[in-house]
PDB file of N, CA and C in Angstrom:
ATOM      1  N   UNK A   1    -145.443 142.250 -23.117  1.00  0.00           N
ATOM      2  CA  UNK A   1    -146.803 141.975 -23.531  1.00  0.00           C
ATOM      3  C   UNK A   1    -147.289 143.109 -24.439  1.00  0.00           C
ATOM      4  N   UNK A   2    -147.991 142.724 -25.487  1.00  0.00           N
ATOM      5  CA  UNK A   2    -148.486 143.715 -26.429  1.00  0.00           C
ATOM      6  C   UNK A   2    -149.631 144.519 -25.832  1.00  0.00           C
ATOM      7  N   UNK A   3    -149.616 145.791 -26.122  1.00  0.00           N
ATOM      8  CA  UNK A   3    -150.701 146.669 -25.709  1.00  0.00           C
ATOM      9  C   UNK A   3    -151.806 146.625 -26.758  1.00  0.00           C
ATOM     10  N   UNK A   4    -152.986 147.093 -26.390  1.00  0.00           N
ATOM     11  CA  UNK A   4    -154.132 147.120 -27.283  1.00  0.00           C
ATOM     12  C   UNK A   4    -153.781 147.843 -28.590  1.00  0.00           C
ATOM     13  N   UNK A   5    -153.124 148.965 -28.492  1.00  0.00           N
ATOM     14  CA  UNK A   5    -152.755 149.747 -29.670  1.00  0.00           C
ATOM     15  C   UNK A   5    -151.854 148.936 -30.605  1.00  0.00           C
ATOM     16  N   UNK A   6    -150.894 148.233 -30.047  1.00  0.00           N
ATOM     17  CA  UNK A   6    -149.973 147.423 -30.856  1.00  0.00           C
ATOM     18  C   UNK A   6    -150.717 146.303 -31.583  1.00  0.00           C
ATOM     19  N   UNK A   7    -151.632 145.643 -30.867  1.00  0.00           N
ATOM     20  CA  UNK A   7    -152.389 144.552 -31.481  1.00  0.00           C
ATOM     21  C   UNK A   7    -153.282 145.069 -32.606  1.00  0.00           C
ATOM     22  N   UNK A   8    -153.922 146.209 -32.372  1.00  0.00           N
ATOM     23  CA  UNK A   8    -154.784 146.798 -33.400  1.00  0.00           C
ATOM     24  C   UNK A   8    -153.954 147.161 -34.629  1.00  0.00           C
ATOM     25  N   UNK A   9    -152.817 147.810 -34.414  1.00  0.00           N
ATOM     26  CA  UNK A   9    -151.968 148.206 -35.543  1.00  0.00           C
ATOM     27  C   UNK A   9    -151.428 146.996 -36.302  1.00  0.00           C
ATOM     28  N   UNK A  10    -151.029 145.953 -35.588  1.00  0.00           N
ATOM     29  CA  UNK A  10    -150.541 144.742 -36.253  1.00  0.00           C
ATOM     30  C   UNK A  10    -151.638 144.099 -37.101  1.00  0.00           C
ATOM     31  N   UNK A  11    -152.823 144.009 -36.535  1.00  0.00           N
ATOM     32  CA  UNK A  11    -153.936 143.397 -37.265  1.00  0.00           C
ATOM     33  C   UNK A  11    -154.317 144.246 -38.480  1.00  0.00           C
ATOM     34  N   UNK A  12    -154.362 145.570 -38.303  1.00  0.00           N
ATOM     35  CA  UNK A  12    -154.663 146.460 -39.424  1.00  0.00           C
ATOM     36  C   UNK A  12    -153.619 146.330 -40.528  1.00  0.00           C
ATOM     37  N   UNK A  13    -152.358 146.260 -40.155  1.00  0.00           N
ATOM     38  CA  UNK A  13    -151.297 146.105 -41.151  1.00  0.00           C
ATOM     39  C   UNK A  13    -151.453 144.795 -41.918  1.00  0.00           C
ATOM     40  N   UNK A  14    -151.798 143.724 -41.206  1.00  0.00           N
ATOM     41  CA  UNK A  14    -152.014 142.439 -41.869  1.00  0.00           C
ATOM     42  C   UNK A  14    -153.199 142.468 -42.817  1.00  0.00           C
ATOM     43  N   UNK A  15    -154.284 143.082 -42.377  1.00  0.00           N
ATOM     44  CA  UNK A  15    -155.460 143.201 -43.237  1.00  0.00           C
ATOM     45  C   UNK A  15    -155.154 144.047 -44.472  1.00  0.00           C
ATOM     46  N   UNK A  16    -154.457 145.140 -44.271  1.00  0.00           N
ATOM     47  CA  UNK A  16    -154.116 146.007 -45.401  1.00  0.00           C
ATOM     48  C   UNK A  16    -153.228 145.284 -46.407  1.00  0.00           C
ATOM     49  N   UNK A  17    -152.300 144.476 -45.922  1.00  0.00           N
ATOM     50  CA  UNK A  17    -151.443 143.699 -46.826  1.00  0.00           C
ATOM     51  C   UNK A  17    -152.268 142.683 -47.612  1.00  0.00           C
ATOM     52  N   UNK A  18    -153.191 142.023 -46.927  1.00  0.00           N
ATOM     53  CA  UNK A  18    -154.063 141.057 -47.602  1.00  0.00           C
ATOM     54  C   UNK A  18    -154.906 141.745 -48.665  1.00  0.00           C
ATOM     55  N   UNK A  19    -155.488 142.884 -48.312  1.00  0.00           N
ATOM     56  CA  UNK A  19    -156.332 143.604 -49.263  1.00  0.00           C
ATOM     57  C   UNK A  19    -155.541 144.037 -50.491  1.00  0.00           C
ATOM     58  N   UNK A  20    -154.300 144.407 -50.300  1.00  0.00           N
ATOM     59  CA  UNK A  20    -153.461 144.801 -51.438  1.00  0.00           C
ATOM     60  C   UNK A  20    -153.197 143.629 -52.372  1.00  0.00           C
ATOM     61  N   UNK A  21    -153.132 142.448 -51.828  1.00  0.00           N
ATOM     62  CA  UNK A  21    -152.826 141.257 -52.630  1.00  0.00           C
ATOM     63  C   UNK A  21    -154.029 140.715 -53.388  1.00  0.00           C
ATOM     64  N   UNK A  22    -155.218 140.911 -52.849  1.00  0.00           N
ATOM     65  CA  UNK A  22    -156.410 140.321 -53.463  1.00  0.00           C
ATOM     66  C   UNK A  22    -156.600 140.732 -54.918  1.00  0.00           C
ATOM     67  N   UNK A  23    -156.351 141.979 -55.258  1.00  0.00           N
ATOM     68  CA  UNK A  23    -156.585 142.443 -56.635  1.00  0.00           C
ATOM     69  C   UNK A  23    -155.815 141.592 -57.631  1.00  0.00           C
ATOM     70  N   UNK A  24    -154.563 141.307 -57.334  1.00  0.00           N
ATOM     71  CA  UNK A  24    -153.757 140.474 -58.224  1.00  0.00           C
ATOM     72  C   UNK A  24    -154.269 139.058 -58.306  1.00  0.00           C
ATOM     73  N   UNK A  25    -154.610 138.496 -57.162  1.00  0.00           N
ATOM     74  CA  UNK A  25    -155.109 137.121 -57.145  1.00  0.00           C
ATOM     75  C   UNK A  25    -156.413 137.006 -57.927  1.00  0.00           C
ATOM     76  N   UNK A  26    -157.307 137.963 -57.709  1.00  0.00           N
ATOM     77  CA  UNK A  26    -158.612 137.926 -58.370  1.00  0.00           C
ATOM     78  C   UNK A  26    -158.454 138.078 -59.876  1.00  0.00           C
ATOM     79  N   UNK A  27    -157.628 139.013 -60.294  1.00  0.00           N
ATOM     80  CA  UNK A  27    -157.482 139.255 -61.736  1.00  0.00           C
ATOM     81  C   UNK A  27    -156.805 138.089 -62.451  1.00  0.00           C
ATOM     82  N   UNK A  28    -156.021 137.302 -61.732  1.00  0.00           N
ATOM     83  CA  UNK A  28    -155.309 136.191 -62.359  1.00  0.00           C
ATOM     84  C   UNK A  28    -156.024 134.846 -62.207  1.00  0.00           C
ATOM     85  N   UNK A  29    -157.096 134.817 -61.429  1.00  0.00           N
ATOM     86  CA  UNK A  29    -157.807 133.554 -61.206  1.00  0.00           C
ATOM     87  C   UNK A  29    -158.568 133.161 -62.471  1.00  0.00           C
ATOM     88  N   UNK A  30    -158.261 131.986 -62.981  1.00  0.00           N
ATOM     89  CA  UNK A  30    -158.917 131.483 -64.181  1.00  0.00           C
ATOM     90  C   UNK A  30    -160.189 130.722 -63.833  1.00  0.00           C
ATOM     91  N   UNK A  31    -160.205 130.091 -62.680  1.00  0.00           N
ATOM     92  CA  UNK A  31    -161.354 129.316 -62.233  1.00  0.00           C
ATOM     93  C   UNK A  31    -162.387 130.262 -61.617  1.00  0.00           C
ATOM     94  N   UNK A  32    -163.600 130.243 -62.150  1.00  0.00           N
ATOM     95  CA  UNK A  32    -164.639 131.170 -61.704  1.00  0.00           C
ATOM     96  C   UNK A  32    -165.003 130.978 -60.236  1.00  0.00           C
ATOM     97  N   UNK A  33    -164.990 129.728 -59.761  1.00  0.00           N
ATOM     98  CA  UNK A  33    -165.313 129.471 -58.353  1.00  0.00           C
ATOM     99  C   UNK A  33    -164.219 130.018 -57.438  1.00  0.00           C
ATOM    100  N   UNK A  34    -162.973 129.829 -57.838  1.00  0.00           N
ATOM    101  CA  UNK A  34    -161.862 130.391 -57.063  1.00  0.00           C
ATOM    102  C   UNK A  34    -161.944 131.904 -57.056  1.00  0.00           C
ATOM    103  N   UNK A  35    -162.222 132.475 -58.211  1.00  0.00           N
ATOM    104  CA  UNK A  35    -162.337 133.939 -58.315  1.00  0.00           C
ATOM    105  C   UNK A  35    -163.422 134.458 -57.380  1.00  0.00           C
ATOM    106  N   UNK A  36    -164.567 133.810 -57.371  1.00  0.00           N
ATOM    107  CA  UNK A  36    -165.674 134.235 -56.515  1.00  0.00           C
ATOM    108  C   UNK A  36    -165.311 134.092 -55.036  1.00  0.00           C
ATOM    109  N   UNK A  37    -164.632 133.017 -54.689  1.00  0.00           N
ATOM    110  CA  UNK A  37    -164.197 132.821 -53.301  1.00  0.00           C
ATOM    111  C   UNK A  37    -163.240 133.927 -52.877  1.00  0.00           C
ATOM    112  N   UNK A  38    -162.303 134.271 -53.747  1.00  0.00           N
ATOM    113  CA  UNK A  38    -161.361 135.350 -53.434  1.00  0.00           C
ATOM    114  C   UNK A  38    -162.076 136.689 -53.268  1.00  0.00           C
ATOM    115  N   UNK A  39    -163.075 136.936 -54.101  1.00  0.00           N
ATOM    116  CA  UNK A  39    -163.854 138.171 -53.980  1.00  0.00           C
ATOM    117  C   UNK A  39    -164.581 138.205 -52.641  1.00  0.00           C
ATOM    118  N   UNK A  40    -165.163 137.087 -52.241  1.00  0.00           N
ATOM    119  CA  UNK A  40    -165.855 137.021 -50.954  1.00  0.00           C
ATOM    120  C   UNK A  40    -164.894 137.228 -49.790  1.00  0.00           C
ATOM    121  N   UNK A  41    -163.719 136.621 -49.872  1.00  0.00           N
ATOM    122  CA  UNK A  41    -162.708 136.807 -48.814  1.00  0.00           C
ATOM    123  C   UNK A  41    -162.262 138.259 -48.739  1.00  0.00           C
ATOM    124  N   UNK A  42    -162.058 138.868 -49.911  1.00  0.00           N
ATOM    125  CA  UNK A  42    -161.671 140.285 -49.940  1.00  0.00           C
ATOM    126  C   UNK A  42    -162.749 141.148 -49.306  1.00  0.00           C
ATOM    127  N   UNK A  43    -164.001 140.894 -49.666  1.00  0.00           N
ATOM    128  CA  UNK A  43    -165.107 141.677 -49.116  1.00  0.00           C
ATOM    129  C   UNK A  43    -165.172 141.547 -47.593  1.00  0.00           C
ATOM    130  N   UNK A  44    -164.978 140.336 -47.082  1.00  0.00           N
ATOM    131  CA  UNK A  44    -164.992 140.119 -45.631  1.00  0.00           C
ATOM    132  C   UNK A  44    -163.836 140.860 -44.961  1.00  0.00           C
ATOM    133  N   UNK A  45    -162.652 140.824 -45.578  1.00  0.00           N
ATOM    134  CA  UNK A  45    -161.508 141.542 -45.019  1.00  0.00           C
ATOM    135  C   UNK A  45    -161.723 143.049 -45.058  1.00  0.00           C
ATOM    136  N   UNK A  46    -162.399 143.546 -46.086  1.00  0.00           N
ATOM    137  CA  UNK A  46    -162.690 144.982 -46.145  1.00  0.00           C
ATOM    138  C   UNK A  46    -163.610 145.393 -44.996  1.00  0.00           C
ATOM    139  N   UNK A  47    -164.586 144.549 -44.693  1.00  0.00           N
ATOM    140  CA  UNK A  47    -165.480 144.834 -43.570  1.00  0.00           C
ATOM    141  C   UNK A  47    -164.701 144.801 -42.257  1.00  0.00           C
ATOM    142  N   UNK A  48    -163.849 143.779 -42.086  1.00  0.00           N
ATOM    143  CA  UNK A  48    -163.026 143.691 -40.867  1.00  0.00           C
ATOM    144  C   UNK A  48    -162.093 144.900 -40.746  1.00  0.00           C
ATOM    145  N   UNK A  49    -161.503 145.297 -41.866  1.00  0.00           N
ATOM    146  CA  UNK A  49    -160.580 146.425 -41.852  1.00  0.00           C
ATOM    147  C   UNK A  49    -161.302 147.701 -41.434  1.00  0.00           C
ATOM    148  N   UNK A  50    -162.485 147.931 -41.977  1.00  0.00           N
ATOM    149  CA  UNK A  50    -163.238 149.146 -41.643  1.00  0.00           C
ATOM    150  C   UNK A  50    -163.654 149.136 -40.177  1.00  0.00           C
ATOM    151  N   UNK A  51    -164.109 147.986 -39.681  1.00  0.00           N
ATOM    152  CA  UNK A  51    -164.515 147.873 -38.283  1.00  0.00           C
ATOM    153  C   UNK A  51    -163.340 148.154 -37.354  1.00  0.00           C
ATOM    154  N   UNK A  52    -162.201 147.580 -37.676  1.00  0.00           N
ATOM    155  CA  UNK A  52    -161.014 147.777 -36.843  1.00  0.00           C
ATOM    156  C   UNK A  52    -160.505 149.222 -36.941  1.00  0.00           C
ATOM    157  N   UNK A  53    -160.585 149.790 -38.128  1.00  0.00           N
ATOM    158  CA  UNK A  53    -160.199 151.201 -38.312  1.00  0.00           C
ATOM    159  C   UNK A  53    -161.064 152.094 -37.424  1.00  0.00           C
ATOM    160  N   UNK A  54    -162.373 151.881 -37.449  1.00  0.00           N
ATOM    161  CA  UNK A  54    -163.273 152.691 -36.624  1.00  0.00           C
ATOM    162  C   UNK A  54    -162.971 152.512 -35.138  1.00  0.00           C
ATOM    163  N   UNK A  55    -162.647 151.285 -34.729  1.00  0.00           N
ATOM    164  CA  UNK A  55    -162.265 151.021 -33.334  1.00  0.00           C
ATOM    165  C   UNK A  55    -160.991 151.796 -32.978  1.00  0.00           C
ATOM    166  N   UNK A  56    -160.004 151.746 -33.875  1.00  0.00           N
ATOM    167  CA  UNK A  56    -158.729 152.422 -33.625  1.00  0.00           C
ATOM    168  C   UNK A  56    -158.918 153.928 -33.500  1.00  0.00           C
ATOM    169  N   UNK A  57    -159.749 154.507 -34.342  1.00  0.00           N
ATOM    170  CA  UNK A  57    -160.019 155.945 -34.267  1.00  0.00           C
ATOM    171  C   UNK A  57    -160.728 156.269 -32.962  1.00  0.00           C
ATOM    172  N   UNK A  58    -161.727 155.470 -32.617  1.00  0.00           N
ATOM    173  CA  UNK A  58    -162.502 155.689 -31.389  1.00  0.00           C
ATOM    174  C   UNK A  58    -161.612 155.640 -30.148  1.00  0.00           C
ATOM    175  N   UNK A  59    -160.663 154.698 -30.110  1.00  0.00           N
ATOM    176  CA  UNK A  59    -159.784 154.533 -28.950  1.00  0.00           C
ATOM    177  C   UNK A  59    -158.586 155.475 -28.966  1.00  0.00           C
ATOM    178  N   UNK A  60    -158.446 156.246 -30.042  1.00  0.00           N
ATOM    179  CA  UNK A  60    -157.321 157.176 -30.141  1.00  0.00           C
ATOM    180  C   UNK A  60    -156.032 156.516 -30.581  1.00  0.00           C
ATOM    181  N   UNK A  61    -156.115 155.297 -31.112  1.00  0.00           N
ATOM    182  CA  UNK A  61    -154.930 154.593 -31.589  1.00  0.00           C
ATOM    183  C   UNK A  61    -154.512 155.057 -32.981  1.00  0.00           C
ATOM    184  N   UNK A  62    -155.414 155.731 -33.656  1.00  0.00           N
ATOM    185  CA  UNK A  62    -155.136 156.178 -35.020  1.00  0.00           C
ATOM    186  C   UNK A  62    -155.771 157.540 -35.226  1.00  0.00           C
ATOM    187  N   UNK A  63    -155.012 158.433 -35.798  1.00  0.00           N
ATOM    188  CA  UNK A  63    -155.510 159.774 -36.100  1.00  0.00           C
ATOM    189  C   UNK A  63    -155.549 159.930 -37.613  1.00  0.00           C
ATOM    190  N   UNK A  64    -156.741 159.932 -38.214  1.00  0.00           N
ATOM    191  CA  UNK A  64    -156.803 160.060 -39.670  1.00  0.00           C
ATOM    192  C   UNK A  64    -156.309 161.422 -40.127  1.00  0.00           C
ATOM    193  N   UNK A  65    -155.877 161.473 -41.360  1.00  0.00           N
ATOM    194  CA  UNK A  65    -155.429 162.732 -41.948  1.00  0.00           C
ATOM    195  C   UNK A  65    -156.615 163.689 -42.047  1.00  0.00           C
ATOM    196  N   UNK A  66    -156.311 164.958 -42.076  1.00  0.00           N
ATOM    197  CA  UNK A  66    -157.358 165.964 -42.233  1.00  0.00           C
ATOM    198  C   UNK A  66    -157.999 165.797 -43.612  1.00  0.00           C
ATOM    199  N   UNK A  67    -159.285 166.081 -43.723  1.00  0.00           N
ATOM    200  CA  UNK A  67    -159.953 165.959 -45.023  1.00  0.00           C
ATOM    201  C   UNK A  67    -159.317 166.908 -46.047  1.00  0.00           C
ATOM    202  N   UNK A  68    -159.280 166.451 -47.282  1.00  0.00           N
ATOM    203  CA  UNK A  68    -158.730 167.277 -48.356  1.00  0.00           C
ATOM    204  C   UNK A  68    -159.692 168.424 -48.649  1.00  0.00           C
ATOM    205  N   UNK A  69    -159.120 169.542 -49.065  1.00  0.00           N
ATOM    206  CA  UNK A  69    -159.961 170.677 -49.446  1.00  0.00           C
ATOM    207  C   UNK A  69    -160.639 170.376 -50.780  1.00  0.00           C
ATOM    208  N   UNK A  70    -161.707 171.082 -51.047  1.00  0.00           N
ATOM    209  CA  UNK A  70    -162.423 170.895 -52.310  1.00  0.00           C
ATOM    210  C   UNK A  70    -161.517 171.225 -53.495  1.00  0.00           C
ATOM    211  N   UNK A  71    -160.661 172.236 -53.339  1.00  0.00           N
ATOM    212  CA  UNK A  71    -159.736 172.611 -54.416  1.00  0.00           C
ATOM    213  C   UNK A  71    -158.748 171.485 -54.703  1.00  0.00           C
ATOM    214  N   UNK A  72    -158.242 170.845 -53.663  1.00  0.00           N
ATOM    215  CA  UNK A  72    -157.301 169.739 -53.844  1.00  0.00           C
ATOM    216  C   UNK A  72    -157.986 168.560 -54.522  1.00  0.00           C
ATOM    217  N   UNK A  73    -159.221 168.287 -54.144  1.00  0.00           N
ATOM    218  CA  UNK A  73    -159.976 167.194 -54.759  1.00  0.00           C
ATOM    219  C   UNK A  73    -160.186 167.469 -56.241  1.00  0.00           C
ATOM    220  N   UNK A  74    -160.576 168.679 -56.561  1.00  0.00           N
ATOM    221  CA  UNK A  74    -160.801 169.030 -57.972  1.00  0.00           C
ATOM    222  C   UNK A  74    -159.511 168.958 -58.776  1.00  0.00           C
ATOM    223  N   UNK A  75    -158.397 169.347 -58.164  1.00  0.00           N
ATOM    224  CA  UNK A  75    -157.107 169.295 -58.851  1.00  0.00           C
ATOM    225  C   UNK A  75    -156.751 167.841 -59.195  1.00  0.00           C
ATOM    226  N   UNK A  76    -156.924 166.943 -58.262  1.00  0.00           N
ATOM    227  CA  UNK A  76    -156.626 165.530 -58.507  1.00  0.00           C
ATOM    228  C   UNK A  76    -157.565 164.973 -59.574  1.00  0.00           C
ATOM    229  N   UNK A  77    -158.841 165.306 -59.490  1.00  0.00           N
ATOM    230  CA  UNK A  77    -159.805 164.843 -60.488  1.00  0.00           C
ATOM    231  C   UNK A  77    -159.391 165.287 -61.887  1.00  0.00           C
ATOM    232  N   UNK A  78    -158.996 166.551 -62.009  1.00  0.00           N
ATOM    233  CA  UNK A  78    -158.622 167.053 -63.335  1.00  0.00           C
ATOM    234  C   UNK A  78    -157.351 166.396 -63.842  1.00  0.00           C
ATOM    235  N   UNK A  79    -156.413 166.103 -62.964  1.00  0.00           N
ATOM    236  CA  UNK A  79    -155.185 165.418 -63.357  1.00  0.00           C
ATOM    237  C   UNK A  79    -155.482 163.998 -63.819  1.00  0.00           C
ATOM    238  N   UNK A  80    -156.403 163.323 -63.149  1.00  0.00           N
ATOM    239  CA  UNK A  80    -156.736 161.950 -63.508  1.00  0.00           C
ATOM    240  C   UNK A  80    -157.546 161.882 -64.792  1.00  0.00           C
ATOM    241  N   UNK A  81    -158.250 162.931 -65.119  1.00  0.00           N
ATOM    242  CA  UNK A  81    -159.069 162.944 -66.330  1.00  0.00           C
ATOM    243  C   UNK A  81    -158.287 163.366 -67.572  1.00  0.00           C
ATOM    244  N   UNK A  82    -157.032 163.730 -67.426  1.00  0.00           N
ATOM    245  CA  UNK A  82    -156.225 164.153 -68.575  1.00  0.00           C
ATOM    246  C   UNK A  82    -155.739 162.978 -69.365  1.00  0.00           C
TER     247      UNK A  82
END
C-alpha cells in the first residue's frame, strides 16, 4: 500500500510533467478557444502544484533547496543579460 509521501510525490511528478507540456501545447494551439482552455488548465494545475508542494513541505515529505545567495542571483542575472 502506498504511503502518504509516495502518493504526494507521484501526484507532484504528474503535475510537474503536465506543466512542462502545457507551454508547447499553448504555443502551438491555432484555435483561440483551445488556447484559452489550455491556459486555464495550466493555471489550475499550477495552483494544485503549489498547494501540494506546500503540503509536502509541511509534512516533511519534501525539503526545498537552500535559498540562493544574493551573489549567486546577481551572477545568474548578469549571465542571462549578456
